[in-house]
Amino acid sequence: MKQKNEKPLANETTADQNEKPLEPNAEKTIFGTEESGDELLLSEEESIADAKLKEEIESLQKKYDDLNDAHLRLMAEFDNYRKRTLREKADMIKSAGESVIVNVLPLIDDLERGLKTAENASDVQAIKEGMDLIYSKFLSFLKQNGVTPIDTTNCAFDTTYHEAITTIPAPTEAQKGKIIDSVQKGYMMRDKVIRYAKVIVGE
């Protein structure tokens, strides 16, 4: 028995033909639109970040400029203070020196008068009394300026205040290590030794 040749239905053929695949250009258009949106968003975020960074840099630059200006002003003020202090110190030393000289002048006047009187004086005792008076005035002047003699009478030798120029056998056992004689007086200005007493020490 003969089979009939089956023919495709016209409707099915038409439907298959109508279902066309998406064109490649259409897919590119869709994805291209999404990528453009992402790029715009990223570009906007970068612009905001750049603006913030620029603002932060400007703020830091301003802080640096302010600190640098303050540092320069402080250095200038310190330099002025240093110069002023040195000038005041020099003036103080100069004034102190002038004050000392002014106070010494009356003592020199007394000494000159004493020497003039001694030229024609026959009274030795009067001359001695005059010299003692001048000497007392000198000691008083030194004391007023904080200068005092270093005591060496019956004292044990002490390198803090004394300078031994020589040693001799001690006359007695008790005088060993003690000052036997003073060759030159020593002086202190307040708590500082300005000249050591030169002494002879018993051994």
C-alpha atoms as a PDB file:
ATOM      1  CA  MET A   1       0.000   0.000   0.000  1.00  0.00           C
ATOM      2  CA  LYS A   2       1.432   3.264  -1.043  1.00  0.00           C
ATOM      3  CA  GLN A   3       2.199   5.939   1.612  1.00  0.00           C
ATOM      4  CA  LYS A   4       1.234   9.442   0.891  1.00  0.00           C
ATOM      5  CA  ASN A   5       3.951  12.030   0.863  1.00  0.00           C
ATOM      6  CA  GLU A   6       3.527  14.252   3.926  1.00  0.00           C
ATOM      7  CA  LYS A   7       3.891  17.917   3.260  1.00  0.00           C
ATOM      8  CA  PRO A   8       4.742  20.426   5.936  1.00  0.00           C
ATOM      9  CA  LEU A   9       1.908  22.542   7.052  1.00  0.00           C
ATOM     10  CA  ALA A  10       1.898  25.988   5.657  1.00  0.00           C
ATOM     11  CA  ASN A  11       1.046  27.526   9.040  1.00  0.00           C
ATOM     12  CA  GLU A  12       3.998  25.883  10.800  1.00  0.00           C
ATOM     13  CA  THR A  13       6.365  27.099   8.146  1.00  0.00           C
ATOM     14  CA  THR A  14       5.084  30.642   8.495  1.00  0.00           C
ATOM     15  CA  ALA A  15       5.447  30.596  12.291  1.00  0.00           C
ATOM     16  CA  ASP A  16       9.042  29.412  12.131  1.00  0.00           C
ATOM     17  CA  GLN A  17       9.831  32.051   9.622  1.00  0.00           C
ATOM     18  CA  ASN A  18       8.278  34.763  11.791  1.00  0.00           C
ATOM     19  CA  GLU A  19      10.443  33.852  14.840  1.00  0.00           C
ATOM     20  CA  LYS A  20      13.609  35.614  13.739  1.00  0.00           C
ATOM     21  CA  PRO A  21      16.713  35.571  16.087  1.00  0.00           C
ATOM     22  CA  LEU A  22      17.834  38.793  17.734  1.00  0.00           C
ATOM     23  CA  GLU A  23      20.265  40.661  15.625  1.00  0.00           C
ATOM     24  CA  PRO A  24      23.748  41.066  17.090  1.00  0.00           C
ATOM     25  CA  ASN A  25      23.473  44.822  16.776  1.00  0.00           C
ATOM     26  CA  ALA A  26      20.420  44.838  18.994  1.00  0.00           C
ATOM     27  CA  GLU A  27      22.265  42.995  21.791  1.00  0.00           C
ATOM     28  CA  LYS A  28      25.151  45.412  21.532  1.00  0.00           C
ATOM     29  CA  THR A  29      22.775  48.325  21.783  1.00  0.00           C
ATOM     30  CA  ILE A  30      21.232  47.030  25.029  1.00  0.00           C
ATOM     31  CA  PHE A  31      24.541  46.268  26.756  1.00  0.00           C
ATOM     32  CA  GLY A  32      26.071  49.444  25.398  1.00  0.00           C
ATOM     33  CA  THR A  33      23.380  51.471  27.140  1.00  0.00           C
ATOM     34  CA  GLU A  34      24.072  49.764  30.495  1.00  0.00           C
ATOM     35  CA  GLU A  35      27.822  50.327  30.155  1.00  0.00           C
ATOM     36  CA  SER A  36      27.287  53.999  29.363  1.00  0.00           C
ATOM     37  CA  GLY A  37      25.211  54.378  32.538  1.00  0.00           C
ATOM     38  CA  ASP A  38      27.913  52.751  34.664  1.00  0.00           C
ATOM     39  CA  GLU A  39      30.557  54.965  33.125  1.00  0.00           C
ATOM     40  CA  LEU A  40      28.533  58.080  33.873  1.00  0.00           C
ATOM     41  CA  LEU A  41      28.012  56.990  37.494  1.00  0.00           C
ATOM     42  CA  LEU A  42      31.723  56.202  37.891  1.00  0.00           C
ATOM     43  CA  SER A  43      32.686  59.517  36.325  1.00  0.00           C
ATOM     44  CA  GLU A  44      30.388  61.371  38.736  1.00  0.00           C
ATOM     45  CA  GLU A  45      31.852  59.535  41.750  1.00  0.00           C
ATOM     46  CA  GLU A  46      35.377  60.349  40.564  1.00  0.00           C
ATOM     47  CA  SER A  47      34.458  64.004  40.207  1.00  0.00           C
ATOM     48  CA  ILE A  48      33.092  64.072  43.759  1.00  0.00           C
ATOM     49  CA  ALA A  49      36.222  62.300  45.056  1.00  0.00           C
ATOM     50  CA  ASP A  50      38.460  64.735  43.158  1.00  0.00           C
ATOM     51  CA  ALA A  51      36.560  67.692  44.586  1.00  0.00           C
ATOM     52  CA  LYS A  52      36.874  66.329  48.132  1.00  0.00           C
ATOM     53  CA  LEU A  53      40.584  65.622  47.624  1.00  0.00           C
ATOM     54  CA  LYS A  54      41.143  69.115  46.269  1.00  0.00           C
ATOM     55  CA  GLU A  55      39.276  70.604  49.228  1.00  0.00           C
ATOM     56  CA  GLU A  56      41.328  68.520  51.679  1.00  0.00           C
ATOM     57  CA  ILE A  57      44.597  69.538  49.982  1.00  0.00           C
ATOM     58  CA  GLU A  58      43.606  73.205  50.160  1.00  0.00           C
ATOM     59  CA  SER A  59      42.714  72.802  53.841  1.00  0.00           C
ATOM     60  CA  LEU A  60      46.050  71.117  54.608  1.00  0.00           C
ATOM     61  CA  GLN A  61      47.919  73.774  52.636  1.00  0.00           C
ATOM     62  CA  LYS A  62      46.193  76.505  54.657  1.00  0.00           C
ATOM     63  CA  LYS A  63      47.072  74.750  57.918  1.00  0.00           C
ATOM     64  CA  TYR A  64      50.689  74.407  56.767  1.00  0.00           C
ATOM     65  CA  ASP A  65      50.864  78.074  55.785  1.00  0.00           C
ATOM     66  CA  ASP A  66      49.402  79.120  59.149  1.00  0.00           C
ATOM     67  CA  LEU A  67      51.820  76.918  61.100  1.00  0.00           C
ATOM     68  CA  ASN A  68      54.783  78.043  59.018  1.00  0.00           C
ATOM     69  CA  ASP A  69      53.839  81.684  59.522  1.00  0.00           C
ATOM     70  CA  ALA A  70      53.460  81.138  63.276  1.00  0.00           C
ATOM     71  CA  HIS A  71      56.842  79.357  63.359  1.00  0.00           C
ATOM     72  CA  LEU A  72      58.558  82.215  61.531  1.00  0.00           C
ATOM     73  CA  ARG A  73      56.992  84.777  63.867  1.00  0.00           C
ATOM     74  CA  LEU A  74      58.069  82.747  66.895  1.00  0.00           C
ATOM     75  CA  MET A  75      61.640  82.479  65.597  1.00  0.00           C
ATOM     76  CA  ALA A  76      61.737  86.228  64.973  1.00  0.00           C
ATOM     77  CA  GLU A  77      60.389  86.943  68.456  1.00  0.00           C
ATOM     78  CA  PHE A  78      62.939  84.572  70.016  1.00  0.00           C
ATOM     79  CA  ASP A  79      65.787  86.209  68.087  1.00  0.00           C
ATOM     80  CA  ASN A  80      64.630  89.644  69.237  1.00  0.00           C
ATOM     81  CA  TYR A  81      64.361  88.365  72.819  1.00  0.00           C
ATOM     82  CA  ARG A  82      67.888  86.892  72.644  1.00  0.00           C
ATOM     83  CA  LYS A  83      69.345  90.131  71.306  1.00  0.00           C
ATOM     84  CA  ARG A  84      67.467  92.191  73.892  1.00  0.00           C
ATOM     85  CA  THR A  85      68.640  89.909  76.716  1.00  0.00           C
ATOM     86  CA  LEU A  86      72.267  90.117  75.591  1.00  0.00           C
ATOM     87  CA  ARG A  87      72.008  93.890  75.327  1.00  0.00           C
ATOM     88  CA  GLU A  88      70.427  94.176  78.777  1.00  0.00           C
ATOM     89  CA  LYS A  89      73.079  91.871  80.242  1.00  0.00           C
ATOM     90  CA  ALA A  90      75.857  93.950  78.702  1.00  0.00           C
ATOM     91  CA  ASP A  91      74.237  97.130  80.031  1.00  0.00           C
ATOM     92  CA  MET A  92      73.890  95.554  83.470  1.00  0.00           C
ATOM     93  CA  ILE A  93      77.554  94.543  83.555  1.00  0.00           C
ATOM     94  CA  LYS A  94      78.545  97.990  82.384  1.00  0.00           C
ATOM     95  CA  SER A  95      76.337  99.648  84.994  1.00  0.00           C
ATOM     96  CA  ALA A  96      77.669  97.344  87.719  1.00  0.00           C
ATOM     97  CA  GLY A  97      81.226  98.220  86.740  1.00  0.00           C
ATOM     98  CA  GLU A  98      80.402 101.917  86.829  1.00  0.00           C
ATOM     99  CA  SER A  99      78.783 101.515  90.242  1.00  0.00           C
ATOM    100  CA  VAL A 100      81.880  99.795  91.636  1.00  0.00           C
ATOM    101  CA  ILE A 101      84.170 102.515  90.294  1.00  0.00           C
ATOM    102  CA  VAL A 102      81.959 105.276  91.677  1.00  0.00           C
ATOM    103  CA  ASN A 103      82.105 103.676  95.135  1.00  0.00           C
ATOM    104  CA  VAL A 104      85.883 103.222  94.950  1.00  0.00           C
ATOM    105  CA  LEU A 105      86.552 106.876  94.104  1.00  0.00           C
ATOM    106  CA  PRO A 106      85.977 108.205  97.678  1.00  0.00           C
ATOM    107  CA  LEU A 107      88.451 105.624  98.989  1.00  0.00           C
ATOM    108  CA  ILE A 108      91.042 106.815  96.503  1.00  0.00           C
ATOM    109  CA  ASP A 109      90.368 110.385  97.634  1.00  0.00           C
ATOM    110  CA  ASP A 110      91.020 109.366 101.257  1.00  0.00           C
ATOM    111  CA  LEU A 111      94.201 107.570 100.280  1.00  0.00           C
ATOM    112  CA  GLU A 112      95.501 110.584  98.346  1.00  0.00           C
ATOM    113  CA  ARG A 113      94.788 112.907 101.273  1.00  0.00           C
ATOM    114  CA  GLY A 114      96.542 110.490 103.639  1.00  0.00           C
ATOM    115  CA  LEU A 115      99.632 110.334 101.446  1.00  0.00           C
ATOM    116  CA  LYS A 116      99.763 114.119 101.151  1.00  0.00           C
ATOM    117  CA  THR A 117      99.453 114.489 104.906  1.00  0.00           C
ATOM    118  CA  ALA A 118     102.184 111.893 105.499  1.00  0.00           C
ATOM    119  CA  GLU A 119     104.682 113.923 103.465  1.00  0.00           C
ATOM    120  CA  ASN A 120     104.909 116.681 106.102  1.00  0.00           C
ATOM    121  CA  ALA A 121     103.642 114.818 109.163  1.00  0.00           C
ATOM    122  CA  SER A 122     105.938 114.109 112.063  1.00  0.00           C
ATOM    123  CA  ASP A 123     103.368 112.128 114.044  1.00  0.00           C
ATOM    124  CA  VAL A 124     103.738 108.516 112.973  1.00  0.00           C
ATOM    125  CA  GLN A 125     100.759 107.470 115.079  1.00  0.00           C
ATOM    126  CA  ALA A 126      98.504 109.889 113.240  1.00  0.00           C
ATOM    127  CA  ILE A 127      99.635 108.476 109.912  1.00  0.00           C
ATOM    128  CA  LYS A 128      98.975 104.947 111.139  1.00  0.00           C
ATOM    129  CA  GLU A 129      95.491 105.874 112.302  1.00  0.00           C
ATOM    130  CA  GLY A 130      94.763 107.476 108.941  1.00  0.00           C
ATOM    131  CA  MET A 131      95.873 104.356 107.074  1.00  0.00           C
ATOM    132  CA  ASP A 132      93.803 102.148 109.395  1.00  0.00           C
ATOM    133  CA  LEU A 133      90.764 104.299 108.646  1.00  0.00           C
ATOM    134  CA  ILE A 134      91.242 103.961 104.895  1.00  0.00           C
ATOM    135  CA  TYR A 135      91.763 100.204 105.247  1.00  0.00           C
ATOM    136  CA  SER A 136      88.539  99.881 107.255  1.00  0.00           C
ATOM    137  CA  LYS A 137      86.672 101.782 104.549  1.00  0.00           C
ATOM    138  CA  PHE A 138      88.033  99.412 101.906  1.00  0.00           C
ATOM    139  CA  LEU A 139      86.880  96.384 103.907  1.00  0.00           C
ATOM    140  CA  SER A 140      83.466  97.962 104.371  1.00  0.00           C
ATOM    141  CA  PHE A 141      83.219  98.608 100.636  1.00  0.00           C
ATOM    142  CA  LEU A 142      84.103  94.987  99.854  1.00  0.00           C
ATOM    143  CA  LYS A 143      81.546  93.708 102.350  1.00  0.00           C
ATOM    144  CA  GLN A 144      78.827  95.866 100.802  1.00  0.00           C
ATOM    145  CA  ASN A 145      79.554  94.163  97.484  1.00  0.00           C
ATOM    146  CA  GLY A 146      79.423  90.667  98.979  1.00  0.00           C
ATOM    147  CA  VAL A 147      83.203  90.201  99.179  1.00  0.00           C
ATOM    148  CA  THR A 148      84.609  88.742 102.403  1.00  0.00           C
ATOM    149  CA  PRO A 149      88.118  87.487 103.339  1.00  0.00           C
ATOM    150  CA  ILE A 150      88.675  83.755 103.824  1.00  0.00           C
ATOM    151  CA  ASP A 151      89.613  82.941 107.410  1.00  0.00           C
ATOM    152  CA  THR A 152      92.884  81.037 107.864  1.00  0.00           C
ATOM    153  CA  THR A 153      93.452  81.458 111.607  1.00  0.00           C
ATOM    154  CA  ASN A 154      93.884  78.062 113.336  1.00  0.00           C
ATOM    155  CA  CYS A 155      92.053  76.403 110.432  1.00  0.00           C
ATOM    156  CA  ALA A 156      92.537  72.953 108.975  1.00  0.00           C
ATOM    157  CA  PHE A 157      93.802  73.020 105.412  1.00  0.00           C
ATOM    158  CA  ASP A 158      90.859  72.819 102.985  1.00  0.00           C
ATOM    159  CA  THR A 159      91.395  72.749  99.223  1.00  0.00           C
ATOM    160  CA  THR A 160      87.954  74.309  98.808  1.00  0.00           C
ATOM    161  CA  TYR A 161      89.302  77.621 100.109  1.00  0.00           C
ATOM    162  CA  HIS A 162      93.085  77.268 100.463  1.00  0.00           C
ATOM    163  CA  GLU A 163      96.094  76.811  98.189  1.00  0.00           C
ATOM    164  CA  ALA A 164      99.178  75.309  99.823  1.00  0.00           C
ATOM    165  CA  ILE A 165     102.320  76.917  98.446  1.00  0.00           C
ATOM    166  CA  THR A 166     104.557  74.838 100.709  1.00  0.00           C
ATOM    167  CA  THR A 167     104.574  72.569 103.753  1.00  0.00           C
ATOM    168  CA  ILE A 168     106.760  72.656 106.843  1.00  0.00           C
ATOM    169  CA  PRO A 169     107.164  70.331 109.822  1.00  0.00           C
ATOM    170  CA  ALA A 170     104.363  71.063 112.268  1.00  0.00           C
ATOM    171  CA  PRO A 171     105.602  72.633 115.534  1.00  0.00           C
ATOM    172  CA  THR A 172     103.186  70.423 117.465  1.00  0.00           C
ATOM    173  CA  GLU A 173     101.211  67.267 116.815  1.00  0.00           C
ATOM    174  CA  ALA A 174      97.968  69.257 116.947  1.00  0.00           C
ATOM    175  CA  GLN A 175      99.090  71.519 114.071  1.00  0.00           C
ATOM    176  CA  LYS A 176      99.604  68.705 111.583  1.00  0.00           C
ATOM    177  CA  GLY A 177      97.359  69.268 108.557  1.00  0.00           C
ATOM    178  CA  LYS A 178      96.588  72.785 109.725  1.00  0.00           C
ATOM    179  CA  ILE A 179      97.528  76.198 108.373  1.00  0.00           C
ATOM    180  CA  ILE A 180     100.719  77.493 109.972  1.00  0.00           C
ATOM    181  CA  ASP A 181     100.874  80.823 108.156  1.00  0.00           C
ATOM    182  CA  SER A 182      99.034  82.815 105.482  1.00  0.00           C
ATOM    183  CA  VAL A 183     101.081  84.297 102.634  1.00  0.00           C
ATOM    184  CA  GLN A 184      98.216  85.937 100.764  1.00  0.00           C
ATOM    185  CA  LYS A 185      94.604  86.477 101.786  1.00  0.00           C
ATOM    186  CA  GLY A 186      91.848  84.767  99.893  1.00  0.00           C
ATOM    187  CA  TYR A 187      88.430  86.243  99.168  1.00  0.00           C
ATOM    188  CA  MET A 188      84.924  85.033  98.467  1.00  0.00           C
ATOM    189  CA  MET A 189      82.136  86.818  96.664  1.00  0.00           C
ATOM    190  CA  ARG A 190      79.013  85.524  98.375  1.00  0.00           C
ATOM    191  CA  ASP A 191      79.316  81.715  97.986  1.00  0.00           C
ATOM    192  CA  LYS A 192      82.047  81.695  95.332  1.00  0.00           C
ATOM    193  CA  VAL A 193      85.801  81.729  95.895  1.00  0.00           C
ATOM    194  CA  ILE A 194      87.259  84.524  93.762  1.00  0.00           C
ATOM    195  CA  ARG A 195      90.796  84.092  95.108  1.00  0.00           C
ATOM    196  CA  TYR A 196      92.189  81.160  97.086  1.00  0.00           C
ATOM    197  CA  ALA A 197      94.142  81.904 100.242  1.00  0.00           C
ATOM    198  CA  LYS A 198      97.812  81.023  99.765  1.00  0.00           C
ATOM    199  CA  VAL A 199      99.005  79.280 102.906  1.00  0.00           C
ATOM    200  CA  ILE A 200     101.783  77.253 104.509  1.00  0.00           C
ATOM    201  CA  VAL A 201     100.621  73.911 105.899  1.00  0.00           C
ATOM    202  CA  GLY A 202     102.100  71.882 108.770  1.00  0.00           C
ATOM    203  CA  GLU A 203     102.930  68.220 108.236  1.00  0.00           C
END
